[in-house]
Amino acid sequence: MQIHYTYIIFVTMKIIIDKAIPFIKGVLEPYAEVIYADGEAFDATTVAEAQALIIRTRTRCNRALLEGSKVEIIATATIGFDHIDLDYCARSGIKVVTAAGCNARGVLQWVASVLVMLSQKQGFEPHQRTIGIVGVGNVGKLVKSYAESWGFKVICCDPPRQEREKLDFVSLEQLIPQADILTLHTPLNASTHDLINSANLVHLHRGATIINASRGEVAQTEALLREDLTCAIDVWEREPNIDKRLLAKAIVATPHIAGYSKQGKANATALVVEAIARHFALPIVGWYPAGIKKSLAQPIDWQTLKQTICAYCDIEQQSAGLKNGGEFEQLRNNYNYREEYF
C-alpha cells in the first residue's frame, strides 16, 4: 500500500508594531511573529526581517530605516504621512497605507470645545464671528458643516480641492483678513510647510484666534507669538520639544491629542489591521475592537453643545497637564481617550 504524506510548511511572518497603538495586541499574533516596540526605537536592525510595520508619527520611515529590509507594507495608524518617505517607498515597492479620516470627529469635537471656550471668554455668539477654515478635507469638511449649523459664517481655503472641483473657496490671501477665527486642517507637505507665517499674518486683524490641530510645521511659531493673537494649539513645531513661549501664550495647549477619541483610535487600528489582512490574505478583514461603539454622525445645536461639551472634552482640563509642566510624550502616550458623542 502506498502511503502519501502531507507536509505542512509554516512560514513565519514578522510584524513590528508601535506599542502605543491601542486595541491591537493579540489580533495579529495567530498569523505572525509580532514584536511591539517604542515608536522612536524602530531601527534598521529591528525591521530588517519584518514584512510589515504598523506605526505612528514617531517612526521615521526612510531609506536609513528600510534599505535592505524585507518590508512589504507600512500601515500608519495616523491621518498624516509626513513621517514616511513616499518616494523611497514607491521606488522600493513598499506599499503605504494611512488611516485617513479615522479621527475626524474626535478633532471636530476638540475644535468645538475650543469654540465654546472662546465664546464664553470673549462674550460672543456664533453669528458674530467668521471662521476661516484652511484645509477642507476629512476634518475641515466636518468643521465647516457643524460651524455653519451653529451659526458661524464660514469661509474656506483649499487650493488643491479648488483646482479639482471648482468650489466656492477663496485664496489664503483673501481668507486671512476676513477671519475672526482661523482654524488649520491641512496635511503637512512642501506646499503647507510654514503656510501660516509672519508675512501673511500681518493681515489677520487684532484679537483674532488661530486654532491649529493639523501639523505644527504648518504654522511658524514665531508668527504665532504676535502679542495681539489668541492661540489654541494641539500640534507644535519640533514635537515633543515644544516652544515654551508658545506654550505659555496659548489659551489652549494640548499634546497632539485633538483626535484622541476612543472611536478615532479604534477606527485607526481597524484600518491598519484591515490593510495588513488584505495585503497578506488574512481572515480578519472587517475586524473592529470589541466593546467600542462606532462613531455617531448626528447634528447638535449650539445651546446643547455648550451644555454638554465639557462632559466629553473639557478643553481647560485637557490643557492643564501641559500648561502645568507635564512631559509632552508622557501626557500623549497616557492620554485617557475621549468618547465621541456627535
Protein backbone atom coordinates (compact mmCIF):
# COMPACT_ATOMS: atom_id res chain seq x y z
CA MET A 1 0.00 0.00 0.00
CA GLN A 2 1.36 3.36 -1.00
CA ILE A 3 1.34 5.91 1.78
CA HIS A 4 1.01 9.59 0.90
CA TYR A 5 2.43 12.12 3.30
CA THR A 6 1.21 15.68 3.51
CA TYR A 7 3.80 18.19 4.55
CA ILE A 8 2.71 21.49 6.07
CA ILE A 9 5.32 24.18 5.95
CA PHE A 10 4.83 27.06 8.36
CA VAL A 11 6.28 30.31 7.11
CA THR A 12 6.71 32.82 9.91
CA MET A 13 5.85 36.38 9.02
CA LYS A 14 7.18 39.15 11.22
CA ILE A 15 5.23 42.32 12.00
CA ILE A 16 6.59 45.15 14.13
CA ILE A 17 4.03 47.36 15.85
CA ASP A 18 4.34 50.63 17.74
CA LYS A 19 3.49 49.58 21.29
CA ALA A 20 1.42 52.74 21.86
CA ILE A 21 -1.21 51.70 19.28
CA PRO A 22 -4.31 50.65 21.25
CA PHE A 23 -6.61 47.63 20.87
CA ILE A 24 -4.22 45.72 18.59
CA LYS A 25 -2.50 43.35 21.00
CA GLY A 26 -3.43 39.75 20.22
CA VAL A 27 -5.11 40.49 16.89
CA LEU A 28 -2.24 39.54 14.57
CA GLU A 29 -0.42 37.03 16.80
CA PRO A 30 -2.23 33.99 15.33
CA TYR A 31 -0.77 34.78 11.91
CA ALA A 32 2.67 36.25 12.52
CA GLU A 33 5.52 36.80 14.87
CA VAL A 34 4.61 40.15 16.38
CA ILE A 35 7.09 42.47 18.06
CA TYR A 36 5.96 45.58 19.93
CA ALA A 37 8.45 48.45 20.14
CA ASP A 38 8.62 52.09 21.10
CA GLY A 39 7.87 54.15 18.01
CA GLU A 40 11.16 56.02 18.21
CA ALA A 41 13.14 52.81 18.75
CA PHE A 42 12.50 51.29 15.31
CA ASP A 43 15.89 50.92 13.62
CA ALA A 44 17.34 49.16 10.58
CA THR A 45 18.33 46.10 12.59
CA THR A 46 14.90 45.80 14.20
CA VAL A 47 12.96 46.00 10.92
CA ALA A 48 15.38 44.10 8.66
CA GLU A 49 13.46 40.80 8.77
CA ALA A 50 9.97 42.26 9.09
CA GLN A 51 7.41 42.06 6.30
CA ALA A 52 5.13 44.71 7.81
CA LEU A 53 5.39 47.77 10.04
CA ILE A 54 2.45 49.28 11.92
CA ILE A 55 3.49 52.71 13.12
CA ARG A 56 2.54 56.18 14.34
CA THR A 57 4.11 59.54 13.57
CA ARG A 58 7.07 58.88 15.84
CA THR A 59 8.65 56.39 13.41
CA ARG A 60 10.57 57.94 10.52
CA CYS A 61 10.28 55.57 7.57
CA ASN A 62 13.02 56.41 5.10
CA ARG A 63 16.00 54.86 3.34
CA ALA A 64 18.04 54.74 6.55
CA LEU A 65 15.38 52.57 8.20
CA LEU A 66 14.16 50.48 5.27
CA GLU A 67 17.05 49.85 2.88
CA GLY A 68 17.80 46.15 2.59
CA SER A 69 14.78 45.14 4.70
CA LYS A 70 12.01 42.70 3.81
CA VAL A 71 9.29 45.27 4.49
CA GLU A 72 6.40 44.98 2.03
CA ILE A 73 3.86 47.26 3.68
CA ILE A 74 3.82 50.15 6.12
CA ALA A 75 0.48 50.89 7.77
CA THR A 76 0.40 54.09 9.79
CA ALA A 77 -2.38 54.50 12.35
CA THR A 78 -2.44 58.22 11.62
CA ILE A 79 -4.04 60.53 9.10
CA GLY A 80 -0.72 62.22 8.36
CA PHE A 81 2.11 60.66 6.42
CA ASP A 82 4.89 63.27 6.52
CA HIS A 83 6.95 60.82 8.62
CA ILE A 84 7.14 58.45 5.63
CA ASP A 85 9.37 58.94 2.58
CA LEU A 86 6.72 58.11 0.00
CA ASP A 87 9.10 58.46 -2.95
CA TYR A 88 11.56 55.98 -1.47
CA CYS A 89 8.77 53.54 -0.64
CA ALA A 90 7.35 53.80 -4.17
CA ARG A 91 10.77 53.13 -5.71
CA SER A 92 11.30 50.21 -3.37
CA GLY A 93 7.89 48.62 -3.94
CA ILE A 94 6.76 49.20 -0.36
CA LYS A 95 3.03 49.77 -0.01
CA VAL A 96 1.99 52.63 2.31
CA VAL A 97 -1.45 52.81 3.90
CA THR A 98 -2.74 55.56 6.19
CA ALA A 99 -5.77 55.81 8.47
CA ALA A 100 -7.11 58.91 6.73
CA GLY A 101 -10.33 60.19 8.26
CA CYS A 102 -10.17 57.89 11.27
CA ASN A 103 -10.23 60.62 13.91
CA ALA A 104 -12.08 63.41 12.09
CA ARG A 105 -14.93 63.52 14.60
CA GLY A 106 -12.53 63.49 17.51
CA VAL A 107 -10.79 66.56 16.09
CA LEU A 108 -14.16 68.17 15.35
CA GLN A 109 -15.15 67.82 18.99
CA TRP A 110 -11.80 69.23 20.19
CA VAL A 111 -12.38 72.25 17.92
CA ALA A 112 -15.97 72.53 19.15
CA SER A 113 -14.71 72.68 22.74
CA VAL A 114 -12.29 75.45 21.77
CA LEU A 115 -15.11 77.41 20.10
CA VAL A 116 -17.34 77.12 23.16
CA MET A 117 -14.48 78.25 25.41
CA LEU A 118 -13.75 81.24 23.15
CA SER A 119 -17.41 82.27 23.07
CA GLN A 120 -17.56 82.21 26.86
CA LYS A 121 -14.28 84.05 27.43
CA GLN A 122 -14.80 86.62 24.65
CA GLY A 123 -18.56 87.03 25.03
CA PHE A 124 -19.79 86.35 21.52
CA GLU A 125 -22.50 84.31 19.80
CA PRO A 126 -21.67 82.29 16.67
CA HIS A 127 -23.40 84.69 14.25
CA GLN A 128 -20.97 87.41 15.37
CA ARG A 129 -17.86 85.56 14.22
CA THR A 130 -16.36 84.41 10.91
CA ILE A 131 -14.39 81.16 10.87
CA GLY A 132 -11.76 80.70 8.18
CA ILE A 133 -11.00 77.03 7.52
CA VAL A 134 -7.67 76.24 5.86
CA GLY A 135 -7.80 72.69 4.54
CA VAL A 136 -11.25 71.23 3.83
CA GLY A 137 -10.59 67.51 3.89
CA ASN A 138 -11.98 64.90 6.27
CA VAL A 139 -11.73 67.18 9.31
CA GLY A 140 -12.26 70.54 7.63
CA LYS A 141 -15.48 69.39 5.98
CA LEU A 142 -16.93 68.38 9.34
CA VAL A 143 -15.85 71.65 10.97
CA LYS A 144 -17.45 73.57 8.10
CA SER A 145 -20.75 71.69 8.31
CA TYR A 146 -21.13 71.91 12.07
CA ALA A 147 -19.86 75.50 12.39
CA GLU A 148 -22.39 76.65 9.80
CA SER A 149 -25.16 74.81 11.64
CA TRP A 150 -24.16 76.63 14.84
CA GLY A 151 -24.49 79.98 13.10
CA PHE A 152 -20.90 80.94 12.30
CA LYS A 153 -20.11 82.49 8.96
CA VAL A 154 -17.61 80.12 7.34
CA ILE A 155 -15.13 80.76 4.54
CA CYS A 156 -12.83 78.09 3.19
CA CYS A 157 -9.42 77.81 1.58
CA ASP A 158 -8.20 74.59 -0.02
CA PRO A 159 -6.26 75.20 -3.26
CA PRO A 160 -5.97 71.52 -4.32
CA ARG A 161 -9.71 70.94 -3.91
CA GLN A 162 -10.49 74.28 -5.53
CA GLU A 163 -8.44 73.33 -8.59
CA ARG A 164 -10.03 69.88 -8.85
CA GLU A 165 -13.62 70.72 -8.00
CA LYS A 166 -14.09 74.46 -8.79
CA LEU A 167 -15.69 75.14 -5.40
CA ASP A 168 -16.75 78.39 -3.79
CA PHE A 169 -13.47 78.69 -1.89
CA VAL A 170 -11.10 81.65 -1.58
CA SER A 171 -7.34 82.07 -1.56
CA LEU A 172 -5.40 82.23 1.69
CA GLU A 173 -4.69 85.90 0.99
CA GLN A 174 -8.44 86.56 0.73
CA LEU A 175 -9.35 84.43 3.74
CA ILE A 176 -6.94 85.75 6.38
CA PRO A 177 -8.22 89.37 6.57
CA GLN A 178 -11.83 88.17 6.93
CA ALA A 179 -11.31 85.59 9.67
CA ASP A 180 -12.03 86.16 13.33
CA ILE A 181 -11.05 82.54 13.96
CA LEU A 182 -8.55 80.80 11.68
CA THR A 183 -8.54 77.00 12.03
CA LEU A 184 -5.95 74.83 10.29
CA HIS A 185 -6.70 71.35 8.97
CA THR A 186 -4.13 70.73 6.23
CA PRO A 187 -1.69 67.86 5.80
CA LEU A 188 2.00 68.71 6.07
CA ASN A 189 3.82 68.75 2.75
CA ALA A 190 6.08 71.03 0.73
CA SER A 191 3.16 73.36 -0.05
CA THR A 192 1.90 73.69 3.51
CA HIS A 193 5.17 73.89 5.45
CA ASP A 194 5.22 77.38 7.06
CA LEU A 195 1.93 78.11 5.30
CA ILE A 196 0.97 80.43 8.14
CA ASN A 197 3.82 82.87 8.65
CA SER A 198 4.69 86.39 9.73
CA ALA A 199 4.23 87.76 6.21
CA ASN A 200 0.59 86.70 5.84
CA LEU A 201 -0.44 87.01 9.49
CA VAL A 202 0.19 90.73 9.23
CA HIS A 203 -3.24 90.79 7.55
CA LEU A 204 -5.02 88.92 10.37
CA HIS A 205 -6.81 91.51 12.46
CA ARG A 206 -6.04 92.25 16.10
CA GLY A 207 -7.68 89.91 18.58
CA ALA A 208 -8.21 87.09 16.10
CA THR A 209 -7.72 83.46 17.14
CA ILE A 210 -5.64 80.77 15.43
CA ILE A 211 -6.53 77.12 16.06
CA ASN A 212 -4.00 74.54 14.92
CA ALA A 213 -4.94 70.85 15.04
CA SER A 214 -3.17 69.88 11.80
CA ARG A 215 0.65 69.76 12.00
CA GLY A 216 2.94 72.04 13.95
CA GLU A 217 5.09 72.94 10.97
CA VAL A 218 2.10 74.35 9.09
CA ALA A 219 2.34 77.50 11.24
CA GLN A 220 5.58 79.25 12.17
CA THR A 221 5.99 79.51 15.92
CA GLU A 222 7.49 82.99 15.71
CA ALA A 223 4.44 84.20 13.77
CA LEU A 224 2.06 82.81 16.39
CA LEU A 225 3.86 84.68 19.17
CA ARG A 226 2.46 88.00 17.97
CA GLU A 227 1.02 89.67 21.06
CA ASP A 228 -2.41 90.53 19.71
CA LEU A 229 -3.27 86.99 18.58
CA THR A 230 -5.02 84.30 20.60
CA CYS A 231 -3.78 80.74 20.01
CA ALA A 232 -5.30 77.31 20.63
CA ILE A 233 -2.58 74.77 19.83
CA ASP A 234 -2.63 70.98 19.71
CA VAL A 235 0.29 70.46 17.31
CA TRP A 236 3.71 72.03 17.64
CA GLU A 237 6.90 72.55 15.73
CA ARG A 238 9.65 70.16 16.79
CA GLU A 239 7.43 67.92 18.91
CA PRO A 240 7.97 66.80 21.61
CA ASN A 241 10.47 69.61 22.23
CA ILE A 242 7.89 72.36 22.06
CA ASP A 243 8.47 76.09 22.35
CA LYS A 244 7.90 77.18 25.95
CA ARG A 245 6.99 80.72 24.88
CA LEU A 246 4.12 79.47 22.74
CA LEU A 247 3.07 77.08 25.50
CA ALA A 248 2.83 80.00 27.93
CA LYS A 249 0.94 82.17 25.43
CA ALA A 250 -1.62 79.63 24.20
CA ILE A 251 -5.04 79.68 25.87
CA VAL A 252 -5.37 76.03 24.81
CA ALA A 253 -2.25 73.85 24.79
CA THR A 254 -2.63 70.09 24.33
CA PRO A 255 -0.04 67.42 23.43
CA HIS A 256 -1.19 66.42 19.91
CA ILE A 257 -4.32 64.68 21.17
CA ALA A 258 -7.12 66.52 19.35
CA GLY A 259 -8.09 63.31 17.57
CA TYR A 260 -7.60 61.04 20.58
CA SER A 261 -11.13 59.73 20.95
CA LYS A 262 -11.94 56.08 21.63
CA GLN A 263 -13.65 55.86 18.26
CA GLY A 264 -10.82 57.63 16.44
CA LYS A 265 -8.26 55.24 17.88
CA ALA A 266 -10.46 52.21 17.23
CA ASN A 267 -11.02 53.35 13.65
CA ALA A 268 -7.29 53.84 13.10
CA THR A 269 -6.38 50.44 14.46
CA ALA A 270 -9.15 48.77 12.47
CA LEU A 271 -7.92 50.43 9.27
CA VAL A 272 -4.30 49.30 9.71
CA VAL A 273 -5.39 45.77 10.63
CA GLU A 274 -7.58 45.71 7.52
CA ALA A 275 -4.63 46.84 5.38
CA ILE A 276 -2.41 44.08 6.75
CA ALA A 277 -5.19 41.49 6.44
CA ARG A 278 -5.86 42.35 2.80
CA HIS A 279 -2.17 42.50 1.87
CA PHE A 280 -1.39 39.07 3.34
CA ALA A 281 -4.84 37.49 2.78
CA LEU A 282 -5.51 37.02 6.48
CA PRO A 283 -9.03 36.06 7.62
CA ILE A 284 -9.60 39.17 9.75
CA VAL A 285 -10.91 41.67 7.21
CA GLY A 286 -13.63 43.72 8.89
CA TRP A 287 -12.19 43.36 12.40
CA TYR A 288 -13.14 46.12 14.88
CA PRO A 289 -12.22 46.38 18.58
CA ALA A 290 -14.77 44.73 20.85
CA GLY A 291 -16.64 47.00 23.22
CA ILE A 292 -16.12 50.24 21.28
CA LYS A 293 -19.21 51.92 19.86
CA LYS A 294 -18.66 53.16 16.32
CA SER A 295 -18.69 56.88 15.57
CA LEU A 296 -22.04 58.61 15.59
CA ALA A 297 -22.97 61.13 12.92
CA GLN A 298 -25.73 63.32 14.22
CA PRO A 299 -26.45 67.05 14.49
CA ILE A 300 -26.12 69.03 17.70
CA ASP A 301 -27.33 72.59 18.21
CA TRP A 302 -25.20 75.33 19.77
CA GLN A 303 -27.08 75.50 23.06
CA THR A 304 -26.87 71.74 23.56
CA LEU A 305 -23.19 71.82 22.61
CA LYS A 306 -22.47 74.47 25.24
CA GLN A 307 -24.27 72.45 27.89
CA THR A 308 -22.62 69.11 27.08
CA ILE A 309 -19.16 69.51 25.56
CA CYS A 310 -17.26 69.82 28.85
CA ALA A 311 -18.51 66.41 29.94
CA TYR A 312 -16.75 64.89 26.93
CA CYS A 313 -13.93 67.33 26.16
CA ASP A 314 -13.21 69.87 28.88
CA ILE A 315 -10.64 71.90 26.97
CA GLU A 316 -9.27 73.75 30.01
CA GLN A 317 -8.78 70.49 31.88
CA GLN A 318 -7.26 68.99 28.73
CA SER A 319 -4.73 71.82 28.69
CA ALA A 320 -3.84 71.68 32.35
CA GLY A 321 -1.27 68.89 32.15
CA LEU A 322 0.93 70.57 29.57
CA LYS A 323 0.42 74.08 30.94
CA ASN A 324 1.40 72.88 34.41
CA GLY A 325 4.71 71.40 33.30
CA GLY A 326 3.73 67.88 32.25
CA GLU A 327 6.05 66.00 29.89
CA PHE A 328 4.69 66.03 26.32
CA GLU A 329 5.23 62.39 25.33
CA GLN A 330 4.14 61.02 28.68
CA LEU A 331 0.90 63.00 28.56
CA ARG A 332 0.29 61.96 24.97
CA ASN A 333 1.04 58.27 25.47
CA ASN A 334 -1.03 58.01 28.66
CA TYR A 335 -3.97 60.07 27.46
CA ASN A 336 -7.44 58.88 28.52
CA TYR A 337 -9.28 58.62 25.20
CA ARG A 338 -12.45 60.70 24.97
CA GLU A 339 -15.87 59.36 23.97
CA GLU A 340 -17.35 60.83 20.80
CA TYR A 341 -21.00 61.82 21.15
CA PHE A 342 -21.96 63.58 17.91
